[in-house]
Amino acid sequence: MRTLYYLLREAWVNLRTNRTTTMVAILTTAFTLSCVGVFLLLYVNLRAAAGWLQDDIKIIVYLEDQLASDARIDLEQQLRGDHAVAAVHFVSKEQALGEFKDQFPSESHLLDGLGQNPLPASFVVTLGPAFRSLDAVKRWSERVQGMTGVAKVDYNQDWIDALAMVIRSIELVAIGIGVILSAAAVTIIANTIRLTLLARRDEIAILRLIGATTGFIRVPYLLEGAVLGGLGSAISLLMLKFLYELFRQEMRTSGKLSGLDNLLAFFPLPLCLALVAVGMALGCAGSFVSLRRFDEAKA
């Protein structure tokens, strides 16, 4: 217990002795990690948006105009009996025309001069939760396209594909920037710890002379690095939370984007704790790098 108290006290002394460099290291680390956090927050919300789109995906099976009633009923039974289908809703030609006029009242006059209803009847199909992935929807649509009486199968593939591409791009960018900025955070903390080691090199030499182990000497500096990284990560989360709430407030006050703020989400608590743990790990890594260089210089 006395050893633990000594190690913690030494780490606190190191932080208090170099207050200026400690604050600079914490704030620089916080800014560095917040840059990574912006991409991570964007990635989390886009992944959630992709999940909402997949949960709400509707597949429209357009029917041939000359399809007989018996054939239409037989096709509907085939769709309802499909193990991948959760719900089927039939939309007649008349219903399709009415929905078009309701949604596009200014364009409804374009259909008046045609003499007959050009819109096809269709089935609106909802797949089960286990079959809503992009690949599963594509395979199901291709299979239904070959059924008798089906003219075309359509779903919002372009939107989902575009969103998936954006998510992959952000993921790659976040990984690349995360690696670079994490290395920068390790370097910042390593330099801070190096200043502490240089300031206390005589004390370290005395500890070695009286038989202190390498681990006993290193632990306070590893703890110091963990504190620097953890505080930097925690401050970066506070900065991100402030910017997140500010952005939501701007969305509430703007007329066009009002209501969309409720769809945004901040990092859940487990992820926040994980990010703080990552910051502490980076701090320990920076301390370890500095200690290795210090030992090599002494050798």
C-alpha atoms as a PDB file:
ATOM      1  CA  MET A   1       0.000   0.000   0.000  1.00  0.00           C
ATOM      2  CA  ARG A   2       2.860   2.356   0.845  1.00  0.00           C
ATOM      3  CA  THR A   3       4.450   1.560  -2.511  1.00  0.00           C
ATOM      4  CA  LEU A   4       1.234   2.402  -4.377  1.00  0.00           C
ATOM      5  CA  TYR A   5       0.922   5.655  -2.434  1.00  0.00           C
ATOM      6  CA  TYR A   6       4.505   6.558  -3.312  1.00  0.00           C
ATOM      7  CA  LEU A   7       4.003   5.837  -7.010  1.00  0.00           C
ATOM      8  CA  LEU A   8       0.811   7.908  -7.171  1.00  0.00           C
ATOM      9  CA  ARG A   9       2.440  10.742  -5.233  1.00  0.00           C
ATOM     10  CA  GLU A  10       5.401  10.780  -7.599  1.00  0.00           C
ATOM     11  CA  ALA A  11       3.093  10.948 -10.609  1.00  0.00           C
ATOM     12  CA  TRP A  12       1.216  13.873  -9.028  1.00  0.00           C
ATOM     13  CA  VAL A  13       4.480  15.663  -8.231  1.00  0.00           C
ATOM     14  CA  ASN A  14       5.573  15.302 -11.836  1.00  0.00           C
ATOM     15  CA  LEU A  15       2.308  16.799 -13.073  1.00  0.00           C
ATOM     16  CA  ARG A  16       2.374  19.653 -10.575  1.00  0.00           C
ATOM     17  CA  THR A  17       6.052  20.498 -11.107  1.00  0.00           C
ATOM     18  CA  ASN A  18       5.627  20.939 -14.864  1.00  0.00           C
ATOM     19  CA  ARG A  19       2.241  22.658 -14.840  1.00  0.00           C
ATOM     20  CA  THR A  20       2.772  24.641 -18.035  1.00  0.00           C
ATOM     21  CA  THR A  21       3.970  21.732 -20.156  1.00  0.00           C
ATOM     22  CA  THR A  22       1.301  19.524 -18.592  1.00  0.00           C
ATOM     23  CA  MET A  23      -1.511  21.908 -19.592  1.00  0.00           C
ATOM     24  CA  VAL A  24      -0.075  22.349 -23.079  1.00  0.00           C
ATOM     25  CA  ALA A  25       0.173  18.579 -23.494  1.00  0.00           C
ATOM     26  CA  ILE A  26      -3.390  18.015 -22.268  1.00  0.00           C
ATOM     27  CA  LEU A  27      -4.920  20.725 -24.470  1.00  0.00           C
ATOM     28  CA  THR A  28      -2.918  19.710 -27.539  1.00  0.00           C
ATOM     29  CA  THR A  29      -3.888  16.085 -27.015  1.00  0.00           C
ATOM     30  CA  ALA A  30      -7.524  17.121 -26.566  1.00  0.00           C
ATOM     31  CA  PHE A  31      -7.520  19.083 -29.827  1.00  0.00           C
ATOM     32  CA  THR A  32      -5.800  16.211 -31.640  1.00  0.00           C
ATOM     33  CA  LEU A  33      -8.255  13.585 -30.401  1.00  0.00           C
ATOM     34  CA  SER A  34     -11.263  15.847 -31.038  1.00  0.00           C
ATOM     35  CA  CYS A  35     -10.321  15.954 -34.735  1.00  0.00           C
ATOM     36  CA  VAL A  36     -10.522  12.168 -34.796  1.00  0.00           C
ATOM     37  CA  GLY A  37     -13.768  12.338 -32.799  1.00  0.00           C
ATOM     38  CA  VAL A  38     -15.462  14.521 -35.430  1.00  0.00           C
ATOM     39  CA  PHE A  39     -15.026  11.825 -38.082  1.00  0.00           C
ATOM     40  CA  LEU A  40     -15.984   9.105 -35.619  1.00  0.00           C
ATOM     41  CA  LEU A  41     -19.171  10.964 -34.645  1.00  0.00           C
ATOM     42  CA  LEU A  42     -20.065  11.474 -38.301  1.00  0.00           C
ATOM     43  CA  TYR A  43     -19.407   7.796 -38.960  1.00  0.00           C
ATOM     44  CA  VAL A  44     -21.617   6.690 -36.039  1.00  0.00           C
ATOM     45  CA  ASN A  45     -24.559   8.811 -37.215  1.00  0.00           C
ATOM     46  CA  LEU A  46     -24.233   7.743 -40.844  1.00  0.00           C
ATOM     47  CA  ARG A  47     -24.151   4.085 -39.797  1.00  0.00           C
ATOM     48  CA  ALA A  48     -27.329   4.712 -37.804  1.00  0.00           C
ATOM     49  CA  ALA A  49     -28.918   6.415 -40.840  1.00  0.00           C
ATOM     50  CA  ALA A  50     -28.010   3.414 -43.001  1.00  0.00           C
ATOM     51  CA  GLY A  51     -29.668   1.151 -40.438  1.00  0.00           C
ATOM     52  CA  TRP A  52     -32.845   3.263 -40.517  1.00  0.00           C
ATOM     53  CA  LEU A  53     -32.934   3.080 -44.314  1.00  0.00           C
ATOM     54  CA  GLN A  54     -32.530  -0.683 -44.262  1.00  0.00           C
ATOM     55  CA  ASP A  55     -35.260  -1.057 -41.641  1.00  0.00           C
ATOM     56  CA  ASP A  56     -37.595   1.134 -43.689  1.00  0.00           C
ATOM     57  CA  ILE A  57     -36.771  -0.288 -47.106  1.00  0.00           C
ATOM     58  CA  LYS A  58     -39.752  -1.050 -49.342  1.00  0.00           C
ATOM     59  CA  ILE A  59     -39.514  -3.043 -52.556  1.00  0.00           C
ATOM     60  CA  ILE A  60     -42.036  -2.224 -55.280  1.00  0.00           C
ATOM     61  CA  VAL A  61     -42.933  -5.069 -57.627  1.00  0.00           C
ATOM     62  CA  TYR A  62     -44.589  -3.532 -60.716  1.00  0.00           C
ATOM     63  CA  LEU A  63     -47.011  -5.756 -62.594  1.00  0.00           C
ATOM     64  CA  GLU A  64     -47.556  -6.144 -66.319  1.00  0.00           C
ATOM     65  CA  ASP A  65     -50.546  -4.153 -67.607  1.00  0.00           C
ATOM     66  CA  GLN A  66     -52.213  -7.152 -69.230  1.00  0.00           C
ATOM     67  CA  LEU A  67     -51.851  -9.421 -66.218  1.00  0.00           C
ATOM     68  CA  ALA A  68     -55.072 -11.308 -65.502  1.00  0.00           C
ATOM     69  CA  SER A  69     -56.708 -11.162 -62.086  1.00  0.00           C
ATOM     70  CA  ASP A  70     -56.121 -14.879 -61.418  1.00  0.00           C
ATOM     71  CA  ALA A  71     -52.437 -14.519 -62.296  1.00  0.00           C
ATOM     72  CA  ARG A  72     -52.169 -11.491 -60.034  1.00  0.00           C
ATOM     73  CA  ILE A  73     -53.680 -13.417 -57.106  1.00  0.00           C
ATOM     74  CA  ASP A  74     -51.361 -16.355 -57.772  1.00  0.00           C
ATOM     75  CA  LEU A  75     -48.340 -14.015 -57.768  1.00  0.00           C
ATOM     76  CA  GLU A  76     -49.494 -12.413 -54.525  1.00  0.00           C
ATOM     77  CA  GLN A  77     -49.759 -15.846 -52.896  1.00  0.00           C
ATOM     78  CA  GLN A  78     -46.228 -16.667 -54.042  1.00  0.00           C
ATOM     79  CA  LEU A  79     -44.923 -13.444 -52.491  1.00  0.00           C
ATOM     80  CA  ARG A  80     -46.790 -13.959 -49.211  1.00  0.00           C
ATOM     81  CA  GLY A  81     -45.491 -17.517 -49.000  1.00  0.00           C
ATOM     82  CA  ASP A  82     -41.876 -16.390 -49.416  1.00  0.00           C
ATOM     83  CA  HIS A  83     -39.962 -16.895 -46.140  1.00  0.00           C
ATOM     84  CA  ALA A  84     -38.088 -13.614 -46.696  1.00  0.00           C
ATOM     85  CA  VAL A  85     -41.277 -11.513 -46.961  1.00  0.00           C
ATOM     86  CA  ALA A  86     -42.754  -9.875 -43.870  1.00  0.00           C
ATOM     87  CA  ALA A  87     -45.658  -7.983 -45.509  1.00  0.00           C
ATOM     88  CA  VAL A  88     -47.265  -7.483 -48.941  1.00  0.00           C
ATOM     89  CA  HIS A  89     -49.579  -4.605 -49.882  1.00  0.00           C
ATOM     90  CA  PHE A  90     -51.341  -4.451 -53.244  1.00  0.00           C
ATOM     91  CA  VAL A  91     -51.674  -1.063 -54.968  1.00  0.00           C
ATOM     92  CA  SER A  92     -54.120  -0.995 -57.897  1.00  0.00           C
ATOM     93  CA  LYS A  93     -53.750   1.244 -60.930  1.00  0.00           C
ATOM     94  CA  GLU A  94     -56.459   3.539 -59.563  1.00  0.00           C
ATOM     95  CA  GLN A  95     -54.756   3.803 -56.173  1.00  0.00           C
ATOM     96  CA  ALA A  96     -51.432   4.538 -57.855  1.00  0.00           C
ATOM     97  CA  LEU A  97     -53.046   7.354 -59.844  1.00  0.00           C
ATOM     98  CA  GLY A  98     -54.660   8.801 -56.721  1.00  0.00           C
ATOM     99  CA  GLU A  99     -51.400   8.705 -54.793  1.00  0.00           C
ATOM    100  CA  PHE A 100     -49.602  10.409 -57.680  1.00  0.00           C
ATOM    101  CA  LYS A 101     -52.146  13.234 -57.739  1.00  0.00           C
ATOM    102  CA  ASP A 102     -51.901  13.631 -53.951  1.00  0.00           C
ATOM    103  CA  GLN A 103     -48.109  13.771 -53.965  1.00  0.00           C
ATOM    104  CA  PHE A 104     -47.699  15.841 -57.139  1.00  0.00           C
ATOM    105  CA  PRO A 105     -50.842  17.989 -57.519  1.00  0.00           C
ATOM    106  CA  SER A 106     -49.103  20.495 -59.788  1.00  0.00           C
ATOM    107  CA  GLU A 107     -48.065  17.729 -62.218  1.00  0.00           C
ATOM    108  CA  SER A 108     -51.340  15.775 -62.282  1.00  0.00           C
ATOM    109  CA  HIS A 109     -52.526  17.614 -65.431  1.00  0.00           C
ATOM    110  CA  LEU A 110     -49.823  15.775 -67.391  1.00  0.00           C
ATOM    111  CA  LEU A 111     -51.826  12.535 -67.079  1.00  0.00           C
ATOM    112  CA  ASP A 112     -55.205  14.027 -67.968  1.00  0.00           C
ATOM    113  CA  GLY A 113     -54.545  14.163 -71.700  1.00  0.00           C
ATOM    114  CA  LEU A 114     -53.455  10.540 -72.002  1.00  0.00           C
ATOM    115  CA  GLY A 115     -56.994   9.174 -71.960  1.00  0.00           C
ATOM    116  CA  GLN A 116     -56.097   6.157 -69.818  1.00  0.00           C
ATOM    117  CA  ASN A 117     -54.199   5.509 -66.630  1.00  0.00           C
ATOM    118  CA  PRO A 118     -50.540   4.843 -67.531  1.00  0.00           C
ATOM    119  CA  LEU A 119     -49.484   3.867 -64.004  1.00  0.00           C
ATOM    120  CA  PRO A 120     -49.074   0.121 -63.352  1.00  0.00           C
ATOM    121  CA  ALA A 121     -50.446  -1.861 -60.463  1.00  0.00           C
ATOM    122  CA  SER A 122     -47.867  -3.036 -57.971  1.00  0.00           C
ATOM    123  CA  PHE A 123     -47.077  -4.884 -54.782  1.00  0.00           C
ATOM    124  CA  VAL A 124     -45.275  -3.017 -52.007  1.00  0.00           C
ATOM    125  CA  VAL A 125     -43.171  -5.670 -50.260  1.00  0.00           C
ATOM    126  CA  THR A 126     -41.481  -5.422 -46.868  1.00  0.00           C
ATOM    127  CA  LEU A 127     -38.781  -7.978 -46.187  1.00  0.00           C
ATOM    128  CA  GLY A 128     -38.077  -9.530 -42.802  1.00  0.00           C
ATOM    129  CA  PRO A 129     -35.316  -8.077 -40.581  1.00  0.00           C
ATOM    130  CA  ALA A 130     -32.921 -10.885 -41.500  1.00  0.00           C
ATOM    131  CA  PHE A 131     -33.234 -10.099 -45.238  1.00  0.00           C
ATOM    132  CA  ARG A 132     -32.744  -6.303 -45.263  1.00  0.00           C
ATOM    133  CA  SER A 133     -29.050  -6.167 -46.020  1.00  0.00           C
ATOM    134  CA  LEU A 134     -28.024  -4.758 -49.396  1.00  0.00           C
ATOM    135  CA  ASP A 135     -26.935  -8.125 -50.762  1.00  0.00           C
ATOM    136  CA  ALA A 136     -30.075  -9.911 -49.543  1.00  0.00           C
ATOM    137  CA  VAL A 137     -32.375  -7.266 -51.052  1.00  0.00           C
ATOM    138  CA  LYS A 138     -30.518  -7.418 -54.348  1.00  0.00           C
ATOM    139  CA  ARG A 139     -30.676 -11.223 -54.530  1.00  0.00           C
ATOM    140  CA  TRP A 140     -34.389 -11.256 -53.644  1.00  0.00           C
ATOM    141  CA  SER A 141     -35.192  -8.581 -56.238  1.00  0.00           C
ATOM    142  CA  GLU A 142     -33.335 -10.456 -58.974  1.00  0.00           C
ATOM    143  CA  ARG A 143     -35.206 -13.645 -58.118  1.00  0.00           C
ATOM    144  CA  VAL A 144     -38.634 -11.957 -58.174  1.00  0.00           C
ATOM    145  CA  GLN A 145     -37.797 -10.171 -61.434  1.00  0.00           C
ATOM    146  CA  GLY A 146     -37.972 -13.531 -63.206  1.00  0.00           C
ATOM    147  CA  MET A 147     -41.480 -14.394 -61.973  1.00  0.00           C
ATOM    148  CA  THR A 148     -44.378 -14.460 -64.437  1.00  0.00           C
ATOM    149  CA  GLY A 149     -46.333 -11.203 -64.551  1.00  0.00           C
ATOM    150  CA  VAL A 150     -43.601  -9.034 -63.033  1.00  0.00           C
ATOM    151  CA  ALA A 151     -42.633  -6.057 -65.201  1.00  0.00           C
ATOM    152  CA  LYS A 152     -40.050  -4.468 -62.923  1.00  0.00           C
ATOM    153  CA  VAL A 153     -38.716  -4.607 -59.363  1.00  0.00           C
ATOM    154  CA  ASP A 154     -37.614  -1.310 -57.856  1.00  0.00           C
ATOM    155  CA  TYR A 155     -36.272  -0.109 -54.496  1.00  0.00           C
ATOM    156  CA  ASN A 156     -34.162   2.795 -53.243  1.00  0.00           C
ATOM    157  CA  GLN A 157     -30.907   1.089 -54.175  1.00  0.00           C
ATOM    158  CA  ASP A 158     -29.199   4.280 -55.362  1.00  0.00           C
ATOM    159  CA  TRP A 159     -29.710   5.991 -52.003  1.00  0.00           C
ATOM    160  CA  ILE A 160     -28.490   2.982 -50.033  1.00  0.00           C
ATOM    161  CA  ASP A 161     -25.486   2.394 -52.315  1.00  0.00           C
ATOM    162  CA  ALA A 162     -24.520   6.077 -52.152  1.00  0.00           C
ATOM    163  CA  LEU A 163     -24.814   6.111 -48.369  1.00  0.00           C
ATOM    164  CA  ALA A 164     -22.782   2.901 -48.071  1.00  0.00           C
ATOM    165  CA  MET A 165     -20.053   4.441 -50.251  1.00  0.00           C
ATOM    166  CA  VAL A 166     -19.986   7.596 -48.100  1.00  0.00           C
ATOM    167  CA  ILE A 167     -19.754   5.482 -44.939  1.00  0.00           C
ATOM    168  CA  ARG A 168     -16.850   3.451 -46.344  1.00  0.00           C
ATOM    169  CA  SER A 169     -15.048   6.641 -47.383  1.00  0.00           C
ATOM    170  CA  ILE A 170     -15.494   8.239 -43.971  1.00  0.00           C
ATOM    171  CA  GLU A 171     -14.368   5.029 -42.305  1.00  0.00           C
ATOM    172  CA  LEU A 172     -11.148   4.972 -44.332  1.00  0.00           C
ATOM    173  CA  VAL A 173     -10.520   8.682 -43.743  1.00  0.00           C
ATOM    174  CA  ALA A 174     -11.194   8.317 -40.014  1.00  0.00           C
ATOM    175  CA  ILE A 175      -8.787   5.377 -39.765  1.00  0.00           C
ATOM    176  CA  GLY A 176      -6.067   7.242 -41.653  1.00  0.00           C
ATOM    177  CA  ILE A 177      -6.473  10.474 -39.696  1.00  0.00           C
ATOM    178  CA  GLY A 178      -6.843   8.504 -36.450  1.00  0.00           C
ATOM    179  CA  VAL A 179      -3.512   6.745 -36.982  1.00  0.00           C
ATOM    180  CA  ILE A 180      -1.704   9.989 -37.851  1.00  0.00           C
ATOM    181  CA  LEU A 181      -3.186  12.033 -35.007  1.00  0.00           C
ATOM    182  CA  SER A 182      -2.766   9.200 -32.508  1.00  0.00           C
ATOM    183  CA  ALA A 183       0.924   9.127 -33.393  1.00  0.00           C
ATOM    184  CA  ALA A 184       0.977  12.901 -32.897  1.00  0.00           C
ATOM    185  CA  ALA A 185      -0.641  12.515 -29.453  1.00  0.00           C
ATOM    186  CA  VAL A 186       1.943   9.877 -28.484  1.00  0.00           C
ATOM    187  CA  THR A 187       4.749  12.204 -29.612  1.00  0.00           C
ATOM    188  CA  ILE A 188       3.326  15.157 -27.647  1.00  0.00           C
ATOM    189  CA  ILE A 189       3.020  13.138 -24.447  1.00  0.00           C
ATOM    190  CA  ALA A 190       6.450  11.545 -24.995  1.00  0.00           C
ATOM    191  CA  ASN A 191       8.074  14.975 -25.215  1.00  0.00           C
ATOM    192  CA  THR A 192       6.270  16.107 -22.070  1.00  0.00           C
ATOM    193  CA  ILE A 193       7.440  13.047 -20.143  1.00  0.00           C
ATOM    194  CA  ARG A 194      10.950  13.549 -21.504  1.00  0.00           C
ATOM    195  CA  LEU A 195      11.065  17.025 -19.956  1.00  0.00           C
ATOM    196  CA  THR A 196      10.084  15.521 -16.610  1.00  0.00           C
ATOM    197  CA  LEU A 197      12.752  12.829 -16.916  1.00  0.00           C
ATOM    198  CA  LEU A 198      15.433  15.387 -17.689  1.00  0.00           C
ATOM    199  CA  ALA A 199      14.359  17.544 -14.743  1.00  0.00           C
ATOM    200  CA  ARG A 200      14.558  14.553 -12.356  1.00  0.00           C
ATOM    201  CA  ARG A 201      17.480  12.659 -13.851  1.00  0.00           C
ATOM    202  CA  ASP A 202      19.594  13.076 -10.706  1.00  0.00           C
ATOM    203  CA  GLU A 203      16.815  11.632  -8.545  1.00  0.00           C
ATOM    204  CA  ILE A 204      16.421   8.707 -10.983  1.00  0.00           C
ATOM    205  CA  ALA A 205      20.176   8.058 -10.801  1.00  0.00           C
ATOM    206  CA  ILE A 206      20.023   7.954  -6.976  1.00  0.00           C
ATOM    207  CA  LEU A 207      17.105   5.502  -7.085  1.00  0.00           C
ATOM    208  CA  ARG A 208      19.132   3.220  -9.331  1.00  0.00           C
ATOM    209  CA  LEU A 209      22.125   3.400  -6.993  1.00  0.00           C
ATOM    210  CA  ILE A 210      20.075   2.306  -4.000  1.00  0.00           C
ATOM    211  CA  GLY A 211      18.699  -0.676  -5.933  1.00  0.00           C
ATOM    212  CA  ALA A 212      15.316   0.500  -7.242  1.00  0.00           C
ATOM    213  CA  THR A 213      14.040  -1.703 -10.049  1.00  0.00           C
ATOM    214  CA  THR A 214      13.393  -0.402 -13.540  1.00  0.00           C
ATOM    215  CA  GLY A 215       9.672  -1.031 -13.152  1.00  0.00           C
ATOM    216  CA  PHE A 216       9.544   0.889  -9.859  1.00  0.00           C
ATOM    217  CA  ILE A 217      11.187   3.904 -11.530  1.00  0.00           C
ATOM    218  CA  ARG A 218       9.023   3.763 -14.635  1.00  0.00           C
ATOM    219  CA  VAL A 219       5.560   3.360 -13.085  1.00  0.00           C
ATOM    220  CA  PRO A 220       5.095   7.046 -11.971  1.00  0.00           C
ATOM    221  CA  TYR A 221       5.910   8.259 -15.481  1.00  0.00           C
ATOM    222  CA  LEU A 222       3.591   5.705 -17.062  1.00  0.00           C
ATOM    223  CA  LEU A 223       0.853   6.885 -14.691  1.00  0.00           C
ATOM    224  CA  GLU A 224       1.628  10.481 -15.638  1.00  0.00           C
ATOM    225  CA  GLY A 225       1.273   9.638 -19.316  1.00  0.00           C
ATOM    226  CA  ALA A 226      -2.013   7.826 -18.654  1.00  0.00           C
ATOM    227  CA  VAL A 227      -3.350  10.873 -16.802  1.00  0.00           C
ATOM    228  CA  LEU A 228      -2.295  13.206 -19.629  1.00  0.00           C
ATOM    229  CA  GLY A 229      -3.908  10.993 -22.260  1.00  0.00           C
ATOM    230  CA  GLY A 230      -7.063  10.366 -20.225  1.00  0.00           C
ATOM    231  CA  LEU A 231      -7.594  14.058 -19.434  1.00  0.00           C
ATOM    232  CA  GLY A 232      -6.924  14.993 -23.050  1.00  0.00           C
ATOM    233  CA  SER A 233      -9.458  12.434 -24.255  1.00  0.00           C
ATOM    234  CA  ALA A 234     -12.058  13.550 -21.680  1.00  0.00           C
ATOM    235  CA  ILE A 235     -11.645  17.213 -22.660  1.00  0.00           C
ATOM    236  CA  SER A 236     -11.946  16.291 -26.342  1.00  0.00           C
ATOM    237  CA  LEU A 237     -15.278  14.580 -25.569  1.00  0.00           C
ATOM    238  CA  LEU A 238     -16.492  17.728 -23.784  1.00  0.00           C
ATOM    239  CA  MET A 239     -15.477  19.815 -26.806  1.00  0.00           C
ATOM    240  CA  LEU A 240     -17.285  17.441 -29.157  1.00  0.00           C
ATOM    241  CA  LYS A 241     -20.383  17.445 -26.935  1.00  0.00           C
ATOM    242  CA  PHE A 242     -20.430  21.253 -26.968  1.00  0.00           C
ATOM    243  CA  LEU A 243     -20.093  21.388 -30.762  1.00  0.00           C
ATOM    244  CA  TYR A 244     -22.710  18.649 -31.119  1.00  0.00           C
ATOM    245  CA  GLU A 245     -25.270  20.539 -28.995  1.00  0.00           C
ATOM    246  CA  LEU A 246     -24.444  23.786 -30.829  1.00  0.00           C
ATOM    247  CA  PHE A 247     -25.048  22.077 -34.177  1.00  0.00           C
ATOM    248  CA  ARG A 248     -28.355  20.621 -32.972  1.00  0.00           C
ATOM    249  CA  GLN A 249     -29.442  24.045 -31.778  1.00  0.00           C
ATOM    250  CA  GLU A 250     -28.644  25.537 -35.175  1.00  0.00           C
ATOM    251  CA  MET A 251     -30.722  22.803 -36.818  1.00  0.00           C
ATOM    252  CA  ARG A 252     -33.658  23.542 -34.509  1.00  0.00           C
ATOM    253  CA  THR A 253     -33.600  27.250 -35.340  1.00  0.00           C
ATOM    254  CA  SER A 254     -33.396  26.693 -39.111  1.00  0.00           C
ATOM    255  CA  GLY A 255     -36.734  26.086 -40.780  1.00  0.00           C
ATOM    256  CA  LYS A 256     -35.593  23.563 -43.376  1.00  0.00           C
ATOM    257  CA  LEU A 257     -33.681  21.263 -41.012  1.00  0.00           C
ATOM    258  CA  SER A 258     -35.968  21.447 -37.992  1.00  0.00           C
ATOM    259  CA  GLY A 259     -36.882  17.993 -36.727  1.00  0.00           C
ATOM    260  CA  LEU A 260     -33.758  16.340 -38.099  1.00  0.00           C
ATOM    261  CA  ASP A 261     -31.881  17.147 -34.897  1.00  0.00           C
ATOM    262  CA  ASN A 262     -33.796  14.359 -33.146  1.00  0.00           C
ATOM    263  CA  LEU A 263     -32.209  11.833 -35.512  1.00  0.00           C
ATOM    264  CA  LEU A 264     -28.677  12.748 -34.439  1.00  0.00           C
ATOM    265  CA  ALA A 265     -26.983  10.925 -31.583  1.00  0.00           C
ATOM    266  CA  PHE A 266     -23.858  11.482 -29.531  1.00  0.00           C
ATOM    267  CA  PHE A 267     -21.479   8.735 -28.490  1.00  0.00           C
ATOM    268  CA  PRO A 268     -23.081   6.274 -26.048  1.00  0.00           C
ATOM    269  CA  LEU A 269     -21.525   6.058 -22.578  1.00  0.00           C
ATOM    270  CA  PRO A 270     -19.615   2.791 -23.243  1.00  0.00           C
ATOM    271  CA  LEU A 271     -17.984   4.343 -26.303  1.00  0.00           C
ATOM    272  CA  CYS A 272     -17.098   7.505 -24.339  1.00  0.00           C
ATOM    273  CA  LEU A 273     -15.405   5.364 -21.687  1.00  0.00           C
ATOM    274  CA  ALA A 274     -13.624   3.415 -24.422  1.00  0.00           C
ATOM    275  CA  LEU A 275     -12.319   6.664 -25.953  1.00  0.00           C
ATOM    276  CA  VAL A 276     -10.996   7.790 -22.557  1.00  0.00           C
ATOM    277  CA  ALA A 277      -9.321   4.384 -22.199  1.00  0.00           C
ATOM    278  CA  VAL A 278      -7.767   4.818 -25.658  1.00  0.00           C
ATOM    279  CA  GLY A 279      -6.438   8.215 -24.588  1.00  0.00           C
ATOM    280  CA  MET A 280      -4.899   6.651 -21.484  1.00  0.00           C
ATOM    281  CA  ALA A 281      -3.339   3.906 -23.610  1.00  0.00           C
ATOM    282  CA  LEU A 282      -1.855   6.507 -25.955  1.00  0.00           C
ATOM    283  CA  GLY A 283      -0.491   8.361 -22.931  1.00  0.00           C
ATOM    284  CA  CYS A 284       1.138   5.195 -21.610  1.00  0.00           C
ATOM    285  CA  ALA A 285       2.606   4.555 -25.061  1.00  0.00           C
ATOM    286  CA  GLY A 286       4.068   8.072 -25.131  1.00  0.00           C
ATOM    287  CA  SER A 287       5.597   7.578 -21.692  1.00  0.00           C
ATOM    288  CA  PHE A 288       7.037   4.215 -22.700  1.00  0.00           C
ATOM    289  CA  VAL A 289       8.646   5.710 -25.812  1.00  0.00           C
ATOM    290  CA  SER A 290      10.190   8.509 -23.760  1.00  0.00           C
ATOM    291  CA  LEU A 291      11.457   6.106 -21.094  1.00  0.00           C
ATOM    292  CA  ARG A 292      13.057   3.860 -23.709  1.00  0.00           C
ATOM    293  CA  ARG A 293      14.860   6.803 -25.278  1.00  0.00           C
ATOM    294  CA  PHE A 294      15.969   8.053 -21.865  1.00  0.00           C
ATOM    295  CA  ASP A 295      17.376   4.628 -20.952  1.00  0.00           C
ATOM    296  CA  GLU A 296      19.151   4.333 -24.297  1.00  0.00           C
ATOM    297  CA  ALA A 297      20.714   7.761 -23.818  1.00  0.00           C
ATOM    298  CA  LYS A 298      21.981   6.686 -20.373  1.00  0.00           C
ATOM    299  CA  ALA A 299      23.370   3.400 -21.654  1.00  0.00           C
END
